[in-house]
């Protein structure tokens, strides 16, 4: 019983980690698409 609980808990944490990574990458992609000029100005400054 406890072993099954540990396994399912690991799966849930892994699924949440994957979802968080996908959302993080999506936000970065959206920011780059929406603000290409401001990011270039920031880098040049």
N, C-alpha and C. Protein backbone atom coordinates (compact mmCIF):
# COMPACT_ATOMS: atom_id res chain seq x y z
N UNK A 1 0.83 -1.19 0.00
CA UNK A 1 0.00 0.00 0.00
C UNK A 1 0.88 1.26 0.00
N UNK A 2 1.87 1.30 0.91
CA UNK A 2 2.73 2.48 0.98
C UNK A 2 3.62 2.60 -0.26
N UNK A 3 4.05 1.43 -0.78
CA UNK A 3 4.88 1.47 -1.98
C UNK A 3 4.09 2.04 -3.15
N UNK A 4 2.83 1.60 -3.29
CA UNK A 4 1.99 2.12 -4.38
C UNK A 4 1.79 3.63 -4.21
N UNK A 5 1.61 4.08 -2.98
CA UNK A 5 1.42 5.51 -2.72
C UNK A 5 2.66 6.30 -3.11
N UNK A 6 3.83 5.73 -2.82
CA UNK A 6 5.07 6.42 -3.17
C UNK A 6 5.21 6.51 -4.69
N UNK A 7 4.89 5.43 -5.39
CA UNK A 7 5.03 5.41 -6.85
C UNK A 7 4.08 6.43 -7.48
N UNK A 8 2.81 6.44 -7.04
CA UNK A 8 1.86 7.37 -7.63
C UNK A 8 2.23 8.81 -7.30
N UNK A 9 2.77 9.03 -6.09
CA UNK A 9 3.19 10.37 -5.72
C UNK A 9 4.33 10.85 -6.61
N UNK A 10 5.26 9.94 -6.92
CA UNK A 10 6.36 10.31 -7.82
C UNK A 10 5.83 10.63 -9.20
N UNK A 11 4.87 9.85 -9.67
CA UNK A 11 4.30 10.11 -10.99
C UNK A 11 3.62 11.47 -11.03
N UNK A 12 2.90 11.81 -9.95
CA UNK A 12 2.21 13.10 -9.92
C UNK A 12 3.23 14.24 -9.93
N UNK A 13 4.28 14.11 -9.11
CA UNK A 13 5.30 15.16 -9.07
C UNK A 13 5.98 15.30 -10.43
N UNK A 14 6.24 14.15 -11.08
CA UNK A 14 6.90 14.20 -12.38
C UNK A 14 5.98 14.87 -13.40
N UNK A 15 4.68 14.55 -13.36
CA UNK A 15 3.73 15.14 -14.30
C UNK A 15 3.64 16.65 -14.07
N UNK A 16 3.63 17.06 -12.81
CA UNK A 16 3.56 18.50 -12.52
C UNK A 16 4.84 19.18 -12.99
N UNK A 17 5.98 18.53 -12.82
CA UNK A 17 7.24 19.11 -13.27
C UNK A 17 7.27 19.29 -14.77
N UNK A 18 6.75 18.28 -15.50
CA UNK A 18 6.71 18.38 -16.96
C UNK A 18 5.79 19.50 -17.38
N UNK A 19 4.63 19.60 -16.73
CA UNK A 19 3.68 20.66 -17.08
C UNK A 19 4.28 22.03 -16.81
N UNK A 20 4.96 22.18 -15.67
CA UNK A 20 5.59 23.45 -15.33
C UNK A 20 6.67 23.82 -16.35
N UNK A 21 7.45 22.83 -16.78
CA UNK A 21 8.51 23.09 -17.76
C UNK A 21 7.90 23.52 -19.09
N UNK A 22 6.80 22.87 -19.48
CA UNK A 22 6.16 23.24 -20.75
C UNK A 22 5.60 24.65 -20.67
N UNK A 23 4.96 24.99 -19.54
CA UNK A 23 4.41 26.34 -19.38
C UNK A 23 5.53 27.38 -19.38
N UNK A 24 6.65 27.05 -18.74
CA UNK A 24 7.79 27.97 -18.67
C UNK A 24 8.34 28.23 -20.07
N UNK A 25 8.52 27.14 -20.85
CA UNK A 25 9.03 27.29 -22.21
C UNK A 25 8.04 28.06 -23.07
N UNK A 26 6.75 27.82 -22.87
CA UNK A 26 5.73 28.52 -23.66
C UNK A 26 5.75 30.01 -23.35
N UNK A 27 5.89 30.36 -22.07
CA UNK A 27 5.92 31.78 -21.71
C UNK A 27 7.12 32.47 -22.34
N UNK A 28 8.29 31.81 -22.31
CA UNK A 28 9.49 32.40 -22.90
C UNK A 28 9.28 32.60 -24.41
N UNK A 29 8.68 31.58 -25.06
CA UNK A 29 8.45 31.68 -26.49
C UNK A 29 7.50 32.84 -26.79
N UNK A 30 6.42 32.96 -26.02
CA UNK A 30 5.45 34.05 -26.23
C UNK A 30 6.12 35.40 -26.01
N UNK A 31 6.94 35.51 -24.97
CA UNK A 31 7.61 36.77 -24.68
C UNK A 31 8.54 37.16 -25.83
N UNK A 32 9.24 36.18 -26.39
CA UNK A 32 10.15 36.47 -27.50
C UNK A 32 9.36 36.88 -28.75
N UNK A 33 8.20 36.25 -28.96
CA UNK A 33 7.39 36.59 -30.13
C UNK A 33 6.76 37.97 -29.97
N UNK A 34 6.30 38.27 -28.74
CA UNK A 34 5.61 39.54 -28.52
C UNK A 34 6.57 40.71 -28.42
N UNK A 35 7.76 40.50 -27.84
CA UNK A 35 8.68 41.60 -27.58
C UNK A 35 10.06 41.36 -28.19
N UNK A 36 10.15 41.21 -29.51
CA UNK A 36 11.47 40.97 -30.11
C UNK A 36 12.36 42.21 -30.04
N UNK A 37 11.79 43.40 -30.27
CA UNK A 37 12.60 44.62 -30.32
C UNK A 37 13.07 45.02 -28.93
N UNK A 38 12.19 44.94 -27.91
CA UNK A 38 12.59 45.35 -26.58
C UNK A 38 13.68 44.43 -26.00
N UNK A 39 13.61 43.14 -26.32
CA UNK A 39 14.65 42.22 -25.83
C UNK A 39 15.98 42.52 -26.52
N UNK A 40 15.95 42.90 -27.79
CA UNK A 40 17.18 43.25 -28.49
C UNK A 40 17.75 44.54 -27.89
N UNK A 41 16.89 45.52 -27.60
CA UNK A 41 17.37 46.76 -26.99
C UNK A 41 17.99 46.48 -25.63
N UNK A 42 17.35 45.58 -24.84
CA UNK A 42 17.87 45.24 -23.54
C UNK A 42 19.26 44.61 -23.66
N UNK A 43 19.44 43.73 -24.64
CA UNK A 43 20.73 43.06 -24.80
C UNK A 43 21.80 44.05 -25.27
N UNK A 44 21.43 44.98 -26.15
CA UNK A 44 22.43 45.91 -26.66
C UNK A 44 22.81 46.94 -25.59
N UNK A 45 21.87 47.28 -24.72
CA UNK A 45 22.18 48.21 -23.64
C UNK A 45 23.01 47.51 -22.59
